[in-house]
Amino acid sequence: MNGKKVYQDLIMVISGSFLIAIGINMFFLKNHIVAGGMNGLSIVVNYLTGIEPSLMLLVTNIPLLLISYLFLGKSYTIKTVFGALILPAMVFLTQGFPTVTDQPLLAALFGGLVTGAGLGVVFKANASTGGTAIISQIVHKYAKIPLGIAVGLVDGLVILSAFITFTPETVMYSLITLFVISRMIDKIQLGFNRSKNVLIISSQAVEIEKAILTKLDQGLTLIPVKGAYNKKEEAMLMCVVPEKKFPRLKEHVLSIDTQAFVVVMSANEVMGLGFSLPTE
């Protein structure tokens, strides 16, 4: 790994840890929102014993870092050690920040957005802040399920501990937070630029192809297909477009052929020229 990439990853871990700390101290702590993970357990422990969340986070990471080394490798663990030290430091530095709202629902929603964004940034650097995030990464790696769902499963178990300490209403707010966090993580991981995958079969395929290339300045692929009923061989057009361009694409297709067979699917992640790679 080159030095520039390491530097970028460390900056992302610091930034993400700061956002998580904001979520804990400005949204969750005073509202008793147990947003899963060691962050949530630290809030439960703080309520029961008065131990500061920053200290709780620091102490519990030691055995989990060993697990990280065994299952996720040396490179990941080195960055996780950094995150495991930075997050408690950020929580300590922001513990004097004022609570933004005393309305649990608002705290659950906006705290979830901030914390989910922080976790997503840290995960995007292929690191974590320690705690149960390590377990979530292991589940994601070996069970082959989306990272947001892995976080939801692991942290959902932690939220059950809140039943012992807080009211059922508080636990329900915590579940809302967990959902928001998991969705936000996936948004950060996959990106906010949504696209559509469009498949078009038409007798006017040549004209539609020309319109897409010239009027939309959008690439496409020709796929040979054969009708099952009439056995007619023709070309199917496949085009992946940013969501904002889709209405124009549909307008051009229907203006050329109102009988065109069109299938539209969401494309959650698109890589390549014009999407993850810049055009010349």
C-alpha atoms as a PDB file:
ATOM      1  CA  MET A   1       0.000   0.000   0.000  1.00  0.00           C
ATOM      2  CA  ASN A   2       1.451   3.390  -1.018  1.00  0.00           C
ATOM      3  CA  GLY A   3       2.000   6.224   1.427  1.00  0.00           C
ATOM      4  CA  LYS A   4      -0.662   8.467  -0.119  1.00  0.00           C
ATOM      5  CA  LYS A   5      -3.362   5.808   0.315  1.00  0.00           C
ATOM      6  CA  VAL A   6      -2.324   5.211   3.942  1.00  0.00           C
ATOM      7  CA  TYR A   7      -2.498   8.948   4.611  1.00  0.00           C
ATOM      8  CA  GLN A   8      -5.960   9.191   3.015  1.00  0.00           C
ATOM      9  CA  ASP A   9      -7.215   6.219   5.038  1.00  0.00           C
ATOM     10  CA  LEU A  10      -5.949   7.708   8.307  1.00  0.00           C
ATOM     11  CA  ILE A  11      -7.662  11.027   7.538  1.00  0.00           C
ATOM     12  CA  MET A  12     -10.891   9.148   6.858  1.00  0.00           C
ATOM     13  CA  VAL A  13     -10.596   7.243  10.166  1.00  0.00           C
ATOM     14  CA  ILE A  14     -10.080  10.502  12.076  1.00  0.00           C
ATOM     15  CA  SER A  15     -12.992  12.214  10.314  1.00  0.00           C
ATOM     16  CA  GLY A  16     -15.310   9.243  10.779  1.00  0.00           C
ATOM     17  CA  SER A  17     -14.377   8.904  14.450  1.00  0.00           C
ATOM     18  CA  PHE A  18     -15.181  12.576  15.008  1.00  0.00           C
ATOM     19  CA  LEU A  19     -18.658  12.116  13.499  1.00  0.00           C
ATOM     20  CA  ILE A  20     -19.291   9.043  15.667  1.00  0.00           C
ATOM     21  CA  ALA A  21     -18.200  10.978  18.764  1.00  0.00           C
ATOM     22  CA  ILE A  22     -20.607  13.790  17.827  1.00  0.00           C
ATOM     23  CA  GLY A  23     -23.400  11.240  17.555  1.00  0.00           C
ATOM     24  CA  ILE A  24     -22.625   9.788  20.988  1.00  0.00           C
ATOM     25  CA  ASN A  25     -22.213  13.025  22.934  1.00  0.00           C
ATOM     26  CA  MET A  26     -24.606  15.372  21.163  1.00  0.00           C
ATOM     27  CA  PHE A  27     -27.471  12.964  20.414  1.00  0.00           C
ATOM     28  CA  PHE A  28     -27.334   9.592  22.167  1.00  0.00           C
ATOM     29  CA  LEU A  29     -25.873   9.924  25.676  1.00  0.00           C
ATOM     30  CA  LYS A  30     -28.414  12.208  27.355  1.00  0.00           C
ATOM     31  CA  ASN A  31     -31.317  10.650  25.450  1.00  0.00           C
ATOM     32  CA  HIS A  32     -30.221   7.089  26.408  1.00  0.00           C
ATOM     33  CA  ILE A  33     -30.196   5.971  22.771  1.00  0.00           C
ATOM     34  CA  VAL A  34     -28.385   2.621  22.625  1.00  0.00           C
ATOM     35  CA  ALA A  35     -27.314   2.577  18.992  1.00  0.00           C
ATOM     36  CA  GLY A  36     -25.737  -0.877  19.119  1.00  0.00           C
ATOM     37  CA  GLY A  37     -22.082  -1.827  19.409  1.00  0.00           C
ATOM     38  CA  MET A  38     -19.663  -0.799  22.093  1.00  0.00           C
ATOM     39  CA  ASN A  39     -20.893   2.756  21.631  1.00  0.00           C
ATOM     40  CA  GLY A  40     -24.316   1.638  22.828  1.00  0.00           C
ATOM     41  CA  LEU A  41     -22.938  -0.521  25.626  1.00  0.00           C
ATOM     42  CA  SER A  42     -20.861   2.428  26.824  1.00  0.00           C
ATOM     43  CA  ILE A  43     -24.082   4.445  27.197  1.00  0.00           C
ATOM     44  CA  VAL A  44     -25.690   1.641  29.228  1.00  0.00           C
ATOM     45  CA  VAL A  45     -22.587   1.328  31.421  1.00  0.00           C
ATOM     46  CA  ASN A  46     -22.425   5.102  31.871  1.00  0.00           C
ATOM     47  CA  TYR A  47     -26.043   5.145  33.050  1.00  0.00           C
ATOM     48  CA  LEU A  48     -25.480   2.280  35.509  1.00  0.00           C
ATOM     49  CA  THR A  49     -22.014   3.118  36.843  1.00  0.00           C
ATOM     50  CA  GLY A  50     -21.078   6.618  35.722  1.00  0.00           C
ATOM     51  CA  ILE A  51     -18.005   5.344  33.820  1.00  0.00           C
ATOM     52  CA  GLU A  52     -17.234   7.664  30.919  1.00  0.00           C
ATOM     53  CA  PRO A  53     -17.921   6.195  27.439  1.00  0.00           C
ATOM     54  CA  SER A  54     -14.407   7.104  26.270  1.00  0.00           C
ATOM     55  CA  LEU A  55     -12.837   4.876  28.966  1.00  0.00           C
ATOM     56  CA  MET A  56     -15.252   2.029  28.297  1.00  0.00           C
ATOM     57  CA  LEU A  57     -14.461   2.117  24.578  1.00  0.00           C
ATOM     58  CA  LEU A  58     -10.729   2.091  25.207  1.00  0.00           C
ATOM     59  CA  VAL A  59     -10.710  -0.882  27.614  1.00  0.00           C
ATOM     60  CA  THR A  60     -13.029  -3.203  25.670  1.00  0.00           C
ATOM     61  CA  ASN A  61     -11.033  -2.979  22.449  1.00  0.00           C
ATOM     62  CA  ILE A  62      -8.061  -5.056  23.637  1.00  0.00           C
ATOM     63  CA  PRO A  63      -9.543  -8.576  23.159  1.00  0.00           C
ATOM     64  CA  LEU A  64     -11.400  -7.507  20.033  1.00  0.00           C
ATOM     65  CA  LEU A  65      -8.179  -6.296  18.405  1.00  0.00           C
ATOM     66  CA  LEU A  66      -6.706  -9.769  18.860  1.00  0.00           C
ATOM     67  CA  ILE A  67      -9.757 -11.251  17.095  1.00  0.00           C
ATOM     68  CA  SER A  68      -9.298  -8.693  14.323  1.00  0.00           C
ATOM     69  CA  TYR A  69      -5.679  -9.766  13.799  1.00  0.00           C
ATOM     70  CA  LEU A  70      -6.688 -13.430  13.538  1.00  0.00           C
ATOM     71  CA  PHE A  71      -9.620 -13.020  11.130  1.00  0.00           C
ATOM     72  CA  LEU A  72      -9.139  -9.748   9.244  1.00  0.00           C
ATOM     73  CA  GLY A  73      -5.375  -9.572   8.883  1.00  0.00           C
ATOM     74  CA  LYS A  74      -2.477  -7.372   9.879  1.00  0.00           C
ATOM     75  CA  SER A  75      -3.167  -4.380   7.610  1.00  0.00           C
ATOM     76  CA  TYR A  76      -6.780  -4.017   8.751  1.00  0.00           C
ATOM     77  CA  THR A  77      -5.825  -4.470  12.407  1.00  0.00           C
ATOM     78  CA  ILE A  78      -3.100  -1.810  12.275  1.00  0.00           C
ATOM     79  CA  LYS A  79      -5.621   0.742  11.016  1.00  0.00           C
ATOM     80  CA  THR A  80      -8.148  -0.545  13.550  1.00  0.00           C
ATOM     81  CA  VAL A  81      -5.657   0.007  16.392  1.00  0.00           C
ATOM     82  CA  PHE A  82      -5.438   3.596  15.219  1.00  0.00           C
ATOM     83  CA  GLY A  83      -9.226   3.901  15.102  1.00  0.00           C
ATOM     84  CA  ALA A  84      -9.589   2.169  18.454  1.00  0.00           C
ATOM     85  CA  LEU A  85      -7.405   4.873  19.997  1.00  0.00           C
ATOM     86  CA  ILE A  86      -8.784   7.815  18.033  1.00  0.00           C
ATOM     87  CA  LEU A  87     -12.485   7.179  18.771  1.00  0.00           C
ATOM     88  CA  PRO A  88     -12.120   7.223  22.598  1.00  0.00           C
ATOM     89  CA  ALA A  89      -9.981  10.344  22.220  1.00  0.00           C
ATOM     90  CA  MET A  90     -12.652  12.015  20.074  1.00  0.00           C
ATOM     91  CA  VAL A  91     -15.395  10.993  22.510  1.00  0.00           C
ATOM     92  CA  PHE A  92     -13.321  12.459  25.348  1.00  0.00           C
ATOM     93  CA  LEU A  93     -12.672  15.713  23.467  1.00  0.00           C
ATOM     94  CA  THR A  94     -16.344  16.174  22.535  1.00  0.00           C
ATOM     95  CA  GLN A  95     -17.877  15.141  25.860  1.00  0.00           C
ATOM     96  CA  GLY A  96     -18.456  18.797  26.753  1.00  0.00           C
ATOM     97  CA  PHE A  97     -20.388  19.490  23.548  1.00  0.00           C
ATOM     98  CA  PRO A  98     -24.049  20.404  24.191  1.00  0.00           C
ATOM     99  CA  THR A  99     -26.864  17.959  23.533  1.00  0.00           C
ATOM    100  CA  VAL A 100     -28.588  19.074  20.327  1.00  0.00           C
ATOM    101  CA  THR A 101     -32.089  17.920  21.259  1.00  0.00           C
ATOM    102  CA  ASP A 102     -33.923  16.330  24.174  1.00  0.00           C
ATOM    103  CA  GLN A 103     -36.507  14.811  21.821  1.00  0.00           C
ATOM    104  CA  PRO A 104     -35.649  11.089  21.561  1.00  0.00           C
ATOM    105  CA  LEU A 105     -37.099  10.676  18.068  1.00  0.00           C
ATOM    106  CA  LEU A 106     -35.042  13.558  16.666  1.00  0.00           C
ATOM    107  CA  ALA A 107     -31.969  12.248  18.476  1.00  0.00           C
ATOM    108  CA  ALA A 108     -32.581   8.782  17.032  1.00  0.00           C
ATOM    109  CA  LEU A 109     -32.961  10.027  13.458  1.00  0.00           C
ATOM    110  CA  PHE A 110     -30.280  12.698  13.231  1.00  0.00           C
ATOM    111  CA  GLY A 111     -27.858  10.917  15.550  1.00  0.00           C
ATOM    112  CA  GLY A 112     -28.261   7.855  13.354  1.00  0.00           C
ATOM    113  CA  LEU A 113     -27.448   9.879  10.234  1.00  0.00           C
ATOM    114  CA  VAL A 114     -24.314  11.387  11.779  1.00  0.00           C
ATOM    115  CA  THR A 115     -23.087   8.138  13.329  1.00  0.00           C
ATOM    116  CA  GLY A 116     -23.873   6.082  10.219  1.00  0.00           C
ATOM    117  CA  ALA A 117     -21.953   8.565   8.084  1.00  0.00           C
ATOM    118  CA  GLY A 118     -18.992   8.303  10.457  1.00  0.00           C
ATOM    119  CA  LEU A 119     -18.998   4.512  10.442  1.00  0.00           C
ATOM    120  CA  GLY A 120     -19.400   4.447   6.665  1.00  0.00           C
ATOM    121  CA  VAL A 121     -16.368   6.706   6.186  1.00  0.00           C
ATOM    122  CA  VAL A 122     -14.268   4.554   8.527  1.00  0.00           C
ATOM    123  CA  PHE A 123     -15.372   1.328   6.807  1.00  0.00           C
ATOM    124  CA  LYS A 124     -14.647   2.860   3.396  1.00  0.00           C
ATOM    125  CA  ALA A 125     -11.037   3.214   4.555  1.00  0.00           C
ATOM    126  CA  ASN A 126     -11.114  -0.575   5.185  1.00  0.00           C
ATOM    127  CA  ALA A 127     -10.708   0.032   8.905  1.00  0.00           C
ATOM    128  CA  SER A 128     -12.904   0.328  11.969  1.00  0.00           C
ATOM    129  CA  THR A 129     -13.026   2.011  15.333  1.00  0.00           C
ATOM    130  CA  GLY A 130     -12.828  -1.328  17.069  1.00  0.00           C
ATOM    131  CA  GLY A 131     -15.622  -2.649  19.235  1.00  0.00           C
ATOM    132  CA  THR A 132     -18.337  -4.717  17.599  1.00  0.00           C
ATOM    133  CA  ALA A 133     -17.469  -3.085  14.269  1.00  0.00           C
ATOM    134  CA  ILE A 134     -14.750  -5.748  14.125  1.00  0.00           C
ATOM    135  CA  ILE A 135     -17.365  -8.464  14.525  1.00  0.00           C
ATOM    136  CA  SER A 136     -19.511  -6.791  11.830  1.00  0.00           C
ATOM    137  CA  GLN A 137     -16.574  -6.782   9.417  1.00  0.00           C
ATOM    138  CA  ILE A 138     -15.930 -10.472  10.088  1.00  0.00           C
ATOM    139  CA  VAL A 139     -19.600 -11.337   9.445  1.00  0.00           C
ATOM    140  CA  HIS A 140     -19.520  -9.220   6.265  1.00  0.00           C
ATOM    141  CA  LYS A 141     -16.337 -10.933   5.032  1.00  0.00           C
ATOM    142  CA  TYR A 142     -17.186 -14.553   5.758  1.00  0.00           C
ATOM    143  CA  ALA A 143     -20.998 -14.590   5.515  1.00  0.00           C
ATOM    144  CA  LYS A 144     -20.950 -12.487   2.295  1.00  0.00           C
ATOM    145  CA  ILE A 145     -23.794 -10.189   3.368  1.00  0.00           C
ATOM    146  CA  PRO A 146     -23.946  -6.381   2.918  1.00  0.00           C
ATOM    147  CA  LEU A 147     -22.015  -4.479   5.541  1.00  0.00           C
ATOM    148  CA  GLY A 148     -25.030  -2.446   6.649  1.00  0.00           C
ATOM    149  CA  ILE A 149     -26.997  -5.650   7.332  1.00  0.00           C
ATOM    150  CA  ALA A 150     -24.030  -7.160   9.195  1.00  0.00           C
ATOM    151  CA  VAL A 151     -23.900  -4.098  11.436  1.00  0.00           C
ATOM    152  CA  GLY A 152     -27.652  -4.327  11.959  1.00  0.00           C
ATOM    153  CA  LEU A 153     -27.488  -7.979  13.037  1.00  0.00           C
ATOM    154  CA  VAL A 154     -24.556  -7.591  15.425  1.00  0.00           C
ATOM    155  CA  ASP A 155     -25.699  -4.312  16.938  1.00  0.00           C
ATOM    156  CA  GLY A 156     -29.288  -5.555  17.197  1.00  0.00           C
ATOM    157  CA  LEU A 157     -28.082  -8.065  19.786  1.00  0.00           C
ATOM    158  CA  VAL A 158     -26.459  -5.244  21.746  1.00  0.00           C
ATOM    159  CA  ILE A 159     -29.685  -3.248  21.789  1.00  0.00           C
ATOM    160  CA  LEU A 160     -31.350  -6.127  23.620  1.00  0.00           C
ATOM    161  CA  SER A 161     -29.236  -5.185  26.644  1.00  0.00           C
ATOM    162  CA  ALA A 162     -31.072  -1.876  26.765  1.00  0.00           C
ATOM    163  CA  PHE A 163     -34.243  -3.714  27.847  1.00  0.00           C
ATOM    164  CA  ILE A 164     -32.527  -4.385  31.179  1.00  0.00           C
ATOM    165  CA  THR A 165     -31.735  -0.730  31.774  1.00  0.00           C
ATOM    166  CA  PHE A 166     -34.153   1.507  29.905  1.00  0.00           C
ATOM    167  CA  THR A 167     -37.853   1.610  29.025  1.00  0.00           C
ATOM    168  CA  PRO A 168     -39.271  -0.266  26.016  1.00  0.00           C
ATOM    169  CA  GLU A 169     -39.974   3.123  24.422  1.00  0.00           C
ATOM    170  CA  THR A 170     -36.288   4.032  24.600  1.00  0.00           C
ATOM    171  CA  VAL A 171     -35.373   0.691  23.056  1.00  0.00           C
ATOM    172  CA  MET A 172     -37.773   1.356  20.178  1.00  0.00           C
ATOM    173  CA  TYR A 173     -36.048   4.679  19.529  1.00  0.00           C
ATOM    174  CA  SER A 174     -32.751   2.784  19.559  1.00  0.00           C
ATOM    175  CA  LEU A 175     -34.040   0.378  16.916  1.00  0.00           C
ATOM    176  CA  ILE A 176     -34.936   3.343  14.709  1.00  0.00           C
ATOM    177  CA  THR A 177     -31.396   4.610  15.147  1.00  0.00           C
ATOM    178  CA  LEU A 178     -29.948   1.220  14.233  1.00  0.00           C
ATOM    179  CA  PHE A 179     -31.965   1.153  11.013  1.00  0.00           C
ATOM    180  CA  VAL A 180     -30.858   4.674  10.059  1.00  0.00           C
ATOM    181  CA  ILE A 181     -27.213   3.844  10.805  1.00  0.00           C
ATOM    182  CA  SER A 182     -27.236   0.661   8.708  1.00  0.00           C
ATOM    183  CA  ARG A 183     -28.859   2.444   5.754  1.00  0.00           C
ATOM    184  CA  MET A 184     -26.430   5.351   6.001  1.00  0.00           C
ATOM    185  CA  ILE A 185     -23.447   2.973   6.039  1.00  0.00           C
ATOM    186  CA  ASP A 186     -24.634   1.346   2.826  1.00  0.00           C
ATOM    187  CA  LYS A 187     -25.167   4.768   1.221  1.00  0.00           C
ATOM    188  CA  ILE A 188     -21.614   5.800   2.071  1.00  0.00           C
ATOM    189  CA  GLN A 189     -20.255   2.446   0.879  1.00  0.00           C
ATOM    190  CA  LEU A 190     -22.180   2.355  -2.415  1.00  0.00           C
ATOM    191  CA  GLY A 191     -22.424   6.092  -3.058  1.00  0.00           C
ATOM    192  CA  PHE A 192     -25.340   8.493  -3.437  1.00  0.00           C
ATOM    193  CA  ASN A 193     -25.232   8.685  -7.232  1.00  0.00           C
ATOM    194  CA  ARG A 194     -27.977   6.269  -8.208  1.00  0.00           C
ATOM    195  CA  SER A 195     -28.210   4.853 -11.713  1.00  0.00           C
ATOM    196  CA  LYS A 196     -30.682   2.926 -13.835  1.00  0.00           C
ATOM    197  CA  ASN A 197     -29.904  -0.152 -15.918  1.00  0.00           C
ATOM    198  CA  VAL A 198     -32.193  -0.008 -18.966  1.00  0.00           C
ATOM    199  CA  LEU A 199     -32.795  -2.886 -21.399  1.00  0.00           C
ATOM    200  CA  ILE A 200     -34.514  -1.996 -24.683  1.00  0.00           C
ATOM    201  CA  ILE A 201     -35.845  -4.290 -27.428  1.00  0.00           C
ATOM    202  CA  SER A 202     -37.257  -2.450 -30.432  1.00  0.00           C
ATOM    203  CA  SER A 203     -37.691  -2.732 -34.184  1.00  0.00           C
ATOM    204  CA  GLN A 204     -36.243   0.793 -34.281  1.00  0.00           C
ATOM    205  CA  ALA A 205     -33.078  -0.148 -32.374  1.00  0.00           C
ATOM    206  CA  VAL A 206     -30.742   1.679 -34.793  1.00  0.00           C
ATOM    207  CA  GLU A 207     -32.585   4.997 -34.348  1.00  0.00           C
ATOM    208  CA  ILE A 208     -32.773   4.571 -30.567  1.00  0.00           C
ATOM    209  CA  GLU A 209     -29.064   3.735 -30.436  1.00  0.00           C
ATOM    210  CA  LYS A 210     -28.242   6.898 -32.390  1.00  0.00           C
ATOM    211  CA  ALA A 211     -30.421   9.055 -30.114  1.00  0.00           C
ATOM    212  CA  ILE A 212     -28.788   7.708 -26.946  1.00  0.00           C
ATOM    213  CA  LEU A 213     -25.276   8.205 -28.320  1.00  0.00           C
ATOM    214  CA  THR A 214     -25.794  11.693 -29.735  1.00  0.00           C
ATOM    215  CA  LYS A 215     -28.543  13.355 -27.710  1.00  0.00           C
ATOM    216  CA  LEU A 216     -27.721  11.878 -24.301  1.00  0.00           C
ATOM    217  CA  ASP A 217     -23.978  11.397 -24.875  1.00  0.00           C
ATOM    218  CA  GLN A 218     -24.383   8.050 -23.147  1.00  0.00           C
ATOM    219  CA  GLY A 219     -22.661   4.770 -23.964  1.00  0.00           C
ATOM    220  CA  LEU A 220     -24.559   1.538 -24.479  1.00  0.00           C
ATOM    221  CA  THR A 221     -24.075  -2.125 -25.345  1.00  0.00           C
ATOM    222  CA  LEU A 222     -25.669  -4.212 -28.093  1.00  0.00           C
ATOM    223  CA  ILE A 223     -26.653  -7.724 -26.984  1.00  0.00           C
ATOM    224  CA  PRO A 224     -27.853 -10.308 -29.558  1.00  0.00           C
ATOM    225  CA  VAL A 225     -31.221 -11.808 -28.512  1.00  0.00           C
ATOM    226  CA  LYS A 226     -33.736 -14.193 -30.052  1.00  0.00           C
ATOM    227  CA  GLY A 227     -37.485 -14.135 -29.504  1.00  0.00           C
ATOM    228  CA  ALA A 228     -38.858 -17.354 -28.017  1.00  0.00           C
ATOM    229  CA  TYR A 229     -42.180 -17.083 -29.874  1.00  0.00           C
ATOM    230  CA  ASN A 230     -41.254 -15.831 -33.362  1.00  0.00           C
ATOM    231  CA  LYS A 231     -37.605 -16.998 -33.283  1.00  0.00           C
ATOM    232  CA  LYS A 232     -36.623 -13.602 -34.670  1.00  0.00           C
ATOM    233  CA  GLU A 233     -33.057 -12.541 -34.042  1.00  0.00           C
ATOM    234  CA  GLU A 234     -32.519  -8.901 -33.077  1.00  0.00           C
ATOM    235  CA  ALA A 235     -30.387  -6.674 -30.873  1.00  0.00           C
ATOM    236  CA  MET A 236     -31.184  -5.629 -27.340  1.00  0.00           C
ATOM    237  CA  LEU A 237     -29.775  -2.300 -26.170  1.00  0.00           C
ATOM    238  CA  MET A 238     -28.394  -2.140 -22.642  1.00  0.00           C
ATOM    239  CA  CYS A 239     -27.697   1.297 -21.224  1.00  0.00           C
ATOM    240  CA  VAL A 240     -26.727   2.357 -17.700  1.00  0.00           C
ATOM    241  CA  VAL A 241     -27.633   5.995 -17.063  1.00  0.00           C
ATOM    242  CA  PRO A 242     -27.510   8.295 -14.035  1.00  0.00           C
ATOM    243  CA  GLU A 243     -31.001   8.583 -12.563  1.00  0.00           C
ATOM    244  CA  LYS A 244     -31.269  12.257 -13.547  1.00  0.00           C
ATOM    245  CA  LYS A 245     -30.866  11.299 -17.243  1.00  0.00           C
ATOM    246  CA  PHE A 246     -33.462   8.527 -17.202  1.00  0.00           C
ATOM    247  CA  PRO A 247     -36.556  10.706 -17.948  1.00  0.00           C
ATOM    248  CA  ARG A 248     -34.840  12.045 -21.090  1.00  0.00           C
ATOM    249  CA  LEU A 249     -33.849   8.535 -22.185  1.00  0.00           C
ATOM    250  CA  LYS A 250     -37.419   7.298 -21.768  1.00  0.00           C
ATOM    251  CA  GLU A 251     -38.728  10.289 -23.710  1.00  0.00           C
ATOM    252  CA  HIS A 252     -36.365   9.624 -26.635  1.00  0.00           C
ATOM    253  CA  VAL A 253     -37.176   5.890 -26.744  1.00  0.00           C
ATOM    254  CA  LEU A 254     -40.952   6.401 -26.757  1.00  0.00           C
ATOM    255  CA  SER A 255     -40.762   9.207 -29.328  1.00  0.00           C
ATOM    256  CA  ILE A 256     -39.058   6.771 -31.705  1.00  0.00           C
ATOM    257  CA  ASP A 257     -40.984   3.585 -30.898  1.00  0.00           C
ATOM    258  CA  THR A 258     -44.094   3.599 -28.695  1.00  0.00           C
ATOM    259  CA  GLN A 259     -44.146  -0.210 -28.851  1.00  0.00           C
ATOM    260  CA  ALA A 260     -40.588  -0.663 -27.550  1.00  0.00           C
ATOM    261  CA  PHE A 261     -40.134  -3.284 -24.840  1.00  0.00           C
ATOM    262  CA  VAL A 262     -38.259  -1.578 -22.008  1.00  0.00           C
ATOM    263  CA  VAL A 263     -37.061  -3.054 -18.692  1.00  0.00           C
ATOM    264  CA  VAL A 264     -35.727  -0.680 -16.030  1.00  0.00           C
ATOM    265  CA  MET A 265     -33.719  -1.820 -13.004  1.00  0.00           C
ATOM    266  CA  SER A 266     -31.925   0.017 -10.242  1.00  0.00           C
ATOM    267  CA  ALA A 267     -28.122  -0.140 -10.415  1.00  0.00           C
ATOM    268  CA  ASN A 268     -26.798   0.193  -6.875  1.00  0.00           C
ATOM    269  CA  GLU A 269     -23.140   0.331  -7.822  1.00  0.00           C
ATOM    270  CA  VAL A 270     -21.639   1.114 -11.219  1.00  0.00           C
ATOM    271  CA  MET A 271     -17.913   1.008 -11.964  1.00  0.00           C
ATOM    272  CA  GLY A 272     -16.086   2.071 -15.076  1.00  0.00           C
ATOM    273  CA  LEU A 273     -15.627   4.960 -17.495  1.00  0.00           C
ATOM    274  CA  GLY A 274     -18.085   7.770 -16.867  1.00  0.00           C
ATOM    275  CA  PHE A 275     -19.093   6.419 -13.454  1.00  0.00           C
ATOM    276  CA  SER A 276     -16.298   5.446 -11.054  1.00  0.00           C
ATOM    277  CA  LEU A 277     -13.703   6.551 -13.645  1.00  0.00           C
ATOM    278  CA  PRO A 278     -13.696  10.052 -15.113  1.00  0.00           C
ATOM    279  CA  THR A 279     -14.237  10.544 -18.828  1.00  0.00           C
ATOM    280  CA  GLU A 280     -11.426  11.992 -20.910  1.00  0.00           C
END
